[in-house]
Amino acid sequence: MKLVNTDYLPGEDFTFLGLVRGSCIVSHKEGANKETASKLCGQMLAEARATACKRMITEAEALGADTIVNVRFLVNRITENAAEIFVYGTAAQKNNS
């Protein structure tokens, strides 16, 4: 599966299949020192982004897509210690020329 943050690929022709999305909630406990908390937070966010992408890809594959264009990430703070990582894009299937 190819993921791109542009709405097209030069020289490629696609059939657009629809919006696909994935999300993941990440939270952390208070009490760690700042250096440890920062490192853990970075790792947790990277894992959450990967999980959200996998969920989006699964949705796109179910539509028959081989590419997702115009991919965007959002982070929504839910509480002081929790956030939702949300990724979305347009599922597309490359047309054979």
Protein backbone atom coordinates (compact mmCIF):
# COMPACT_ATOMS: atom_id res chain seq x y z
CA MET A 1 0.00 0.00 0.00
CA LYS A 2 1.39 3.36 -1.02
CA LEU A 3 0.60 6.34 1.24
CA VAL A 4 1.17 9.88 -0.03
CA ASN A 5 0.28 13.30 1.34
CA THR A 6 -0.46 14.78 -2.09
CA ASP A 7 -3.79 14.52 -3.89
CA TYR A 8 -2.21 12.95 -6.99
CA LEU A 9 0.95 11.26 -8.24
CA PRO A 10 2.45 12.68 -11.44
CA GLY A 11 1.89 10.36 -14.38
CA GLU A 12 -0.48 8.08 -12.43
CA ASP A 13 -4.19 7.68 -13.13
CA PHE A 14 -6.47 6.56 -10.29
CA THR A 15 -10.05 5.64 -9.56
CA PHE A 16 -10.93 7.15 -6.21
CA LEU A 17 -12.80 4.78 -3.91
CA GLY A 18 -13.65 6.96 -0.92
CA LEU A 19 -12.55 8.30 2.44
CA VAL A 20 -10.70 5.93 4.75
CA ARG A 21 -9.62 6.55 8.32
CA GLY A 22 -7.99 5.04 11.36
CA SER A 23 -7.52 6.12 14.93
CA CYS A 24 -5.85 5.15 18.18
CA ILE A 25 -6.14 6.48 21.73
CA VAL A 26 -2.92 6.95 23.68
CA SER A 27 -2.59 7.84 27.35
CA HIS A 28 0.15 8.03 29.95
CA LYS A 29 0.42 8.04 33.71
CA GLU A 30 1.63 11.01 35.65
CA GLY A 31 4.60 10.81 37.97
CA ALA A 32 7.56 10.07 35.69
CA ASN A 33 10.37 12.60 35.50
CA LYS A 34 10.26 14.92 32.49
CA GLU A 35 13.02 13.20 30.51
CA THR A 36 11.49 9.74 30.94
CA ALA A 37 7.97 11.04 30.28
CA SER A 38 9.11 12.79 27.10
CA LYS A 39 10.84 9.65 25.79
CA LEU A 40 7.87 7.42 26.63
CA CYS A 41 5.44 9.91 25.12
CA GLY A 42 7.40 9.96 21.86
CA GLN A 43 7.42 6.16 21.71
CA MET A 44 3.71 5.94 22.52
CA LEU A 45 2.81 8.50 19.86
CA ALA A 46 4.90 6.69 17.23
CA GLU A 47 3.16 3.40 18.09
CA ALA A 48 -0.25 5.10 18.03
CA ARG A 49 0.46 6.63 14.59
CA ALA A 50 1.50 3.20 13.28
CA THR A 51 -1.65 1.58 14.70
CA ALA A 52 -3.89 4.30 13.24
CA CYS A 53 -2.21 3.86 9.83
CA LYS A 54 -2.67 0.09 9.94
CA ARG A 55 -6.37 0.57 10.67
CA MET A 56 -6.71 3.01 7.78
CA ILE A 57 -4.86 0.65 5.43
CA THR A 58 -7.13 -2.25 6.43
CA GLU A 59 -10.15 -0.12 5.55
CA ALA A 60 -8.61 0.87 2.21
CA GLU A 61 -7.71 -2.72 1.32
CA ALA A 62 -11.32 -3.75 1.96
CA LEU A 63 -12.30 -1.27 -0.77
CA GLY A 64 -9.73 -2.72 -3.19
CA ALA A 65 -7.31 0.22 -2.94
CA ASP A 66 -3.59 0.02 -3.62
CA THR A 67 -2.85 3.65 -2.72
CA ILE A 68 -4.07 6.22 -0.21
CA VAL A 69 -3.67 9.82 -1.34
CA ASN A 70 -3.98 13.09 0.57
CA VAL A 71 -3.07 11.43 3.89
CA ARG A 72 -3.47 13.69 6.92
CA PHE A 73 -2.87 13.22 10.65
CA LEU A 74 -4.71 14.91 13.48
CA VAL A 75 -4.05 14.77 17.22
CA ASN A 76 -7.02 15.49 19.46
CA ARG A 77 -6.39 16.00 23.14
CA ILE A 78 -9.05 14.14 25.12
CA THR A 79 -7.79 14.78 28.65
CA GLU A 80 -4.58 16.08 30.17
CA ASN A 81 -3.10 12.59 29.87
CA ALA A 82 -4.83 11.17 26.78
CA ALA A 83 -5.02 11.94 23.08
CA GLU A 84 -6.54 10.46 19.96
CA ILE A 85 -4.34 10.02 16.90
CA PHE A 86 -6.54 10.21 13.80
CA VAL A 87 -5.36 9.61 10.24
CA TYR A 88 -7.43 9.88 7.07
CA GLY A 89 -7.04 9.94 3.33
CA THR A 90 -8.65 8.97 0.04
CA ALA A 91 -8.47 5.32 -1.00
CA ALA A 92 -7.51 4.94 -4.65
CA GLN A 93 -6.89 2.18 -7.14
CA LYS A 94 -4.31 2.68 -9.87
CA ASN A 95 -5.81 2.35 -13.35
CA ASN A 96 -3.91 0.05 -15.68
CA SER A 97 -2.95 1.93 -18.82
